[in-house]
């Protein structure tokens, strides 16, 4: 199984989204985190399954929330580049390495 490595800005993206969802309905932010955790597990198990998205990065679409996990797999790790809202600022993460 691959090891997950996160770009430093991913934590900020997740925190902002969590807080926004919690403000909408109690527990909705927690649901967001649970789905995100499931996405990470699936990506770690089969990192090359999801389609190429941009610059040799892949994209895992969350099913309940309008977000994608953008990541780059390598031999023994997966670098999570962004947890991107699907409708906001497309491509803002492309300069992240």
N, C-alpha and C. Protein backbone atom coordinates (compact mmCIF):
# COMPACT_ATOMS: atom_id res chain seq x y z
N UNK A 1 0.85 -1.18 0.00
CA UNK A 1 0.00 0.00 0.00
C UNK A 1 0.89 1.24 0.00
N UNK A 2 0.48 2.26 -0.72
CA UNK A 2 1.23 3.50 -0.84
C UNK A 2 1.12 4.36 0.41
N UNK A 3 2.13 5.20 0.59
CA UNK A 3 2.15 6.16 1.68
C UNK A 3 1.62 7.49 1.16
N UNK A 4 0.78 8.17 1.93
CA UNK A 4 0.24 9.47 1.53
C UNK A 4 1.13 10.60 2.01
N UNK A 5 1.40 11.53 1.12
CA UNK A 5 2.13 12.75 1.43
C UNK A 5 1.26 13.91 0.94
N UNK A 6 1.13 14.95 1.75
CA UNK A 6 0.24 16.05 1.43
C UNK A 6 1.01 17.34 1.18
N UNK A 7 0.59 18.08 0.17
CA UNK A 7 1.09 19.44 -0.01
C UNK A 7 0.64 20.23 1.22
N UNK A 8 1.46 21.14 1.73
CA UNK A 8 1.09 21.88 2.95
C UNK A 8 -0.24 22.63 2.86
N UNK A 9 -0.64 23.07 1.69
CA UNK A 9 -1.89 23.83 1.56
C UNK A 9 -3.14 22.96 1.62
N UNK A 10 -2.98 21.65 1.51
CA UNK A 10 -4.14 20.76 1.54
C UNK A 10 -4.85 20.86 2.89
N UNK A 11 -4.11 20.95 3.97
CA UNK A 11 -4.72 21.07 5.30
C UNK A 11 -5.61 22.31 5.40
N UNK A 12 -5.16 23.41 4.82
CA UNK A 12 -5.96 24.65 4.83
C UNK A 12 -7.24 24.47 4.02
N UNK A 13 -7.13 23.80 2.87
CA UNK A 13 -8.30 23.56 2.03
C UNK A 13 -9.34 22.72 2.77
N UNK A 14 -8.87 21.67 3.41
CA UNK A 14 -9.77 20.77 4.12
C UNK A 14 -10.42 21.48 5.31
N UNK A 15 -9.62 22.23 6.05
CA UNK A 15 -10.15 22.93 7.22
C UNK A 15 -11.23 23.94 6.82
N UNK A 16 -10.98 24.71 5.78
CA UNK A 16 -11.96 25.71 5.33
C UNK A 16 -13.25 25.04 4.87
N UNK A 17 -13.13 23.94 4.15
CA UNK A 17 -14.31 23.22 3.67
C UNK A 17 -15.07 22.59 4.82
N UNK A 18 -14.35 21.99 5.75
CA UNK A 18 -14.97 21.38 6.93
C UNK A 18 -15.78 22.43 7.69
N UNK A 19 -15.16 23.57 7.95
CA UNK A 19 -15.84 24.62 8.72
C UNK A 19 -17.08 25.14 7.97
N UNK A 20 -16.98 25.28 6.66
CA UNK A 20 -18.12 25.74 5.90
C UNK A 20 -19.27 24.74 5.99
N UNK A 21 -18.98 23.45 5.81
CA UNK A 21 -20.03 22.43 5.88
C UNK A 21 -20.62 22.33 7.28
N UNK A 22 -19.79 22.45 8.31
CA UNK A 22 -20.31 22.41 9.68
C UNK A 22 -21.25 23.59 9.93
N UNK A 23 -20.95 24.73 9.31
CA UNK A 23 -21.81 25.89 9.44
C UNK A 23 -23.16 25.73 8.74
N UNK A 24 -23.20 24.84 7.76
CA UNK A 24 -24.44 24.60 7.02
C UNK A 24 -25.38 23.67 7.79
N UNK A 25 -24.81 22.63 8.38
CA UNK A 25 -25.60 21.66 9.15
C UNK A 25 -24.67 20.90 10.07
N UNK A 26 -25.04 20.78 11.32
CA UNK A 26 -24.23 20.06 12.31
C UNK A 26 -23.95 18.65 11.81
N UNK A 27 -22.67 18.29 11.78
CA UNK A 27 -22.27 16.96 11.37
C UNK A 27 -21.93 16.83 9.88
N UNK A 28 -22.30 17.82 9.08
CA UNK A 28 -22.02 17.74 7.65
C UNK A 28 -20.52 17.82 7.37
N UNK A 29 -19.82 18.63 8.15
CA UNK A 29 -18.37 18.69 8.02
C UNK A 29 -17.73 17.36 8.35
N UNK A 30 -18.26 16.68 9.37
CA UNK A 30 -17.76 15.35 9.72
C UNK A 30 -17.99 14.37 8.58
N UNK A 31 -19.16 14.46 7.94
CA UNK A 31 -19.45 13.60 6.79
C UNK A 31 -18.45 13.85 5.66
N UNK A 32 -18.10 15.10 5.46
CA UNK A 32 -17.11 15.46 4.44
C UNK A 32 -15.77 14.78 4.75
N UNK A 33 -15.34 14.84 6.01
CA UNK A 33 -14.07 14.22 6.39
C UNK A 33 -14.11 12.70 6.23
N UNK A 34 -15.24 12.09 6.55
CA UNK A 34 -15.37 10.63 6.40
C UNK A 34 -15.24 10.25 4.93
N UNK A 35 -15.92 11.00 4.05
CA UNK A 35 -15.82 10.67 2.63
C UNK A 35 -14.41 10.92 2.10
N UNK A 36 -13.77 11.95 2.58
CA UNK A 36 -12.40 12.23 2.18
C UNK A 36 -11.46 11.11 2.63
N UNK A 37 -11.66 10.63 3.83
CA UNK A 37 -10.84 9.53 4.35
C UNK A 37 -11.03 8.26 3.50
N UNK A 38 -12.26 7.99 3.11
CA UNK A 38 -12.54 6.84 2.24
C UNK A 38 -11.85 7.00 0.89
N UNK A 39 -11.84 8.22 0.39
CA UNK A 39 -11.15 8.49 -0.88
C UNK A 39 -9.66 8.20 -0.74
N UNK A 40 -9.05 8.64 0.34
CA UNK A 40 -7.63 8.39 0.56
C UNK A 40 -7.33 6.89 0.61
N UNK A 41 -8.18 6.15 1.29
CA UNK A 41 -7.98 4.70 1.37
C UNK A 41 -8.05 4.05 -0.01
N UNK A 42 -9.02 4.44 -0.81
CA UNK A 42 -9.15 3.88 -2.16
C UNK A 42 -7.94 4.26 -3.01
N UNK A 43 -7.51 5.49 -2.92
CA UNK A 43 -6.35 5.95 -3.69
C UNK A 43 -5.10 5.19 -3.28
N UNK A 44 -4.90 4.97 -1.98
CA UNK A 44 -3.72 4.26 -1.52
C UNK A 44 -3.71 2.81 -2.00
N UNK A 45 -4.87 2.18 -2.03
CA UNK A 45 -4.95 0.79 -2.46
C UNK A 45 -4.70 0.63 -3.95
N UNK A 46 -5.27 1.53 -4.75
CA UNK A 46 -5.17 1.42 -6.21
C UNK A 46 -4.87 2.79 -6.82
N UNK A 47 -3.67 3.30 -6.62
CA UNK A 47 -3.38 4.69 -7.01
C UNK A 47 -3.46 4.97 -8.51
N UNK A 48 -3.30 3.97 -9.34
CA UNK A 48 -3.32 4.22 -10.79
C UNK A 48 -4.69 3.97 -11.43
N UNK A 49 -5.70 3.78 -10.62
CA UNK A 49 -7.03 3.47 -11.13
C UNK A 49 -7.74 4.67 -11.72
N UNK A 50 -7.63 5.83 -11.11
CA UNK A 50 -8.40 6.99 -11.54
C UNK A 50 -7.71 7.69 -12.69
N UNK A 51 -8.48 8.38 -13.51
CA UNK A 51 -7.93 8.92 -14.77
C UNK A 51 -6.93 10.05 -14.58
N UNK A 52 -6.03 10.13 -15.57
CA UNK A 52 -5.12 11.27 -15.62
C UNK A 52 -5.94 12.54 -15.76
N UNK A 53 -5.48 13.56 -15.09
CA UNK A 53 -6.23 14.81 -15.06
C UNK A 53 -5.44 15.96 -15.68
N UNK A 54 -4.24 16.20 -15.19
CA UNK A 54 -3.43 17.30 -15.68
C UNK A 54 -1.99 17.10 -15.22
N UNK A 55 -1.06 17.27 -16.13
CA UNK A 55 0.37 17.18 -15.80
C UNK A 55 0.73 15.92 -15.01
N UNK A 56 0.31 14.76 -15.50
CA UNK A 56 0.60 13.47 -14.85
C UNK A 56 0.01 13.35 -13.45
N UNK A 57 -1.01 14.10 -13.19
CA UNK A 57 -1.73 13.98 -11.92
C UNK A 57 -3.05 13.30 -12.19
N UNK A 58 -3.57 12.68 -11.16
CA UNK A 58 -4.83 11.96 -11.29
C UNK A 58 -5.90 12.64 -10.44
N UNK A 59 -7.15 12.27 -10.72
CA UNK A 59 -8.27 12.93 -10.05
C UNK A 59 -9.27 11.89 -9.54
N UNK A 60 -9.54 11.97 -8.25
CA UNK A 60 -10.56 11.14 -7.61
C UNK A 60 -11.72 12.07 -7.25
N UNK A 61 -12.89 11.80 -7.82
CA UNK A 61 -14.07 12.61 -7.54
C UNK A 61 -14.82 12.06 -6.33
N UNK A 62 -15.09 12.91 -5.35
CA UNK A 62 -15.93 12.50 -4.24
C UNK A 62 -17.36 12.34 -4.76
N UNK A 63 -18.10 11.44 -4.16
CA UNK A 63 -19.45 11.19 -4.68
C UNK A 63 -20.50 12.11 -4.06
N UNK A 64 -20.37 12.43 -2.80
CA UNK A 64 -21.40 13.23 -2.13
C UNK A 64 -21.13 14.73 -2.15
N UNK A 65 -19.88 15.10 -2.19
CA UNK A 65 -19.48 16.50 -2.12
C UNK A 65 -18.81 16.91 -3.43
N UNK A 66 -18.93 18.18 -3.82
CA UNK A 66 -18.39 18.61 -5.11
C UNK A 66 -16.88 18.90 -5.06
N UNK A 67 -16.13 17.89 -4.68
CA UNK A 67 -14.68 18.02 -4.52
C UNK A 67 -13.96 16.89 -5.24
N UNK A 68 -12.71 17.17 -5.59
CA UNK A 68 -11.82 16.16 -6.16
C UNK A 68 -10.53 16.13 -5.36
N UNK A 69 -9.97 14.95 -5.24
CA UNK A 69 -8.63 14.80 -4.69
C UNK A 69 -7.70 14.72 -5.90
N UNK A 70 -6.81 15.68 -6.02
CA UNK A 70 -5.83 15.70 -7.10
C UNK A 70 -4.53 15.16 -6.52
N UNK A 71 -3.98 14.15 -7.18
CA UNK A 71 -2.80 13.50 -6.62
C UNK A 71 -1.86 13.00 -7.71
N UNK A 72 -0.64 12.73 -7.29
CA UNK A 72 0.39 12.20 -8.19
C UNK A 72 0.96 10.93 -7.56
N UNK A 73 0.73 9.77 -8.18
CA UNK A 73 1.29 8.54 -7.62
C UNK A 73 2.74 8.34 -8.07
N UNK A 74 3.52 7.74 -7.20
CA UNK A 74 4.87 7.31 -7.56
C UNK A 74 5.01 5.87 -7.10
N UNK A 75 6.21 5.34 -7.12
CA UNK A 75 6.41 3.92 -6.80
C UNK A 75 5.88 3.50 -5.44
N UNK A 76 6.18 4.27 -4.41
CA UNK A 76 5.76 3.85 -3.07
C UNK A 76 5.03 4.93 -2.28
N UNK A 77 4.62 6.00 -2.96
CA UNK A 77 3.89 7.06 -2.28
C UNK A 77 2.87 7.72 -3.21
N UNK A 78 1.97 8.44 -2.59
CA UNK A 78 0.98 9.23 -3.33
C UNK A 78 1.06 10.64 -2.77
N UNK A 79 1.35 11.60 -3.65
CA UNK A 79 1.44 12.99 -3.25
C UNK A 79 0.10 13.66 -3.54
N UNK A 80 -0.62 14.05 -2.49
CA UNK A 80 -1.90 14.73 -2.65
C UNK A 80 -1.59 16.21 -2.87
N UNK A 81 -1.92 16.66 -4.07
CA UNK A 81 -1.62 18.02 -4.49
C UNK A 81 -2.68 18.99 -4.00
N UNK A 82 -3.95 18.57 -4.05
CA UNK A 82 -5.05 19.47 -3.67
C UNK A 82 -6.31 18.68 -3.35
N UNK A 83 -7.14 19.26 -2.50
CA UNK A 83 -8.52 18.83 -2.32
C UNK A 83 -9.31 20.01 -2.87
N UNK A 84 -9.71 19.87 -4.13
CA UNK A 84 -10.20 20.98 -4.94
C UNK A 84 -11.72 20.98 -5.04
N UNK A 85 -12.33 22.14 -4.81
CA UNK A 85 -13.75 22.29 -5.10
C UNK A 85 -13.90 22.28 -6.61
N UNK A 86 -14.83 21.51 -7.12
CA UNK A 86 -14.94 21.30 -8.56
C UNK A 86 -15.40 22.52 -9.35
N UNK A 87 -15.93 23.53 -8.68
CA UNK A 87 -16.45 24.70 -9.39
C UNK A 87 -15.71 25.99 -9.08
N UNK A 88 -14.69 25.94 -8.27
CA UNK A 88 -14.01 27.17 -7.86
C UNK A 88 -12.55 27.17 -8.29
N UNK A 89 -12.11 28.26 -8.86
CA UNK A 89 -10.71 28.49 -9.22
C UNK A 89 -10.05 27.29 -9.90
N UNK A 90 -10.52 26.85 -11.04
CA UNK A 90 -9.90 25.70 -11.69
C UNK A 90 -8.42 25.96 -11.95
N UNK A 91 -7.61 24.96 -11.68
CA UNK A 91 -6.19 25.03 -11.97
C UNK A 91 -5.33 25.79 -10.98
N UNK A 92 -5.92 26.28 -9.87
CA UNK A 92 -5.14 27.05 -8.90
C UNK A 92 -3.98 26.25 -8.32
N UNK A 93 -4.09 24.96 -8.32
CA UNK A 93 -3.12 24.07 -7.69
C UNK A 93 -2.00 23.63 -8.64
N UNK A 94 -2.08 23.96 -9.92
CA UNK A 94 -1.17 23.39 -10.93
C UNK A 94 0.31 23.72 -10.69
N UNK A 95 0.61 24.77 -9.98
CA UNK A 95 2.02 25.10 -9.72
C UNK A 95 2.59 24.34 -8.52
N UNK A 96 1.77 23.60 -7.82
CA UNK A 96 2.24 22.86 -6.64
C UNK A 96 3.07 21.65 -7.07
N UNK A 97 4.18 21.47 -6.38
CA UNK A 97 5.05 20.31 -6.67
C UNK A 97 5.29 19.51 -5.43
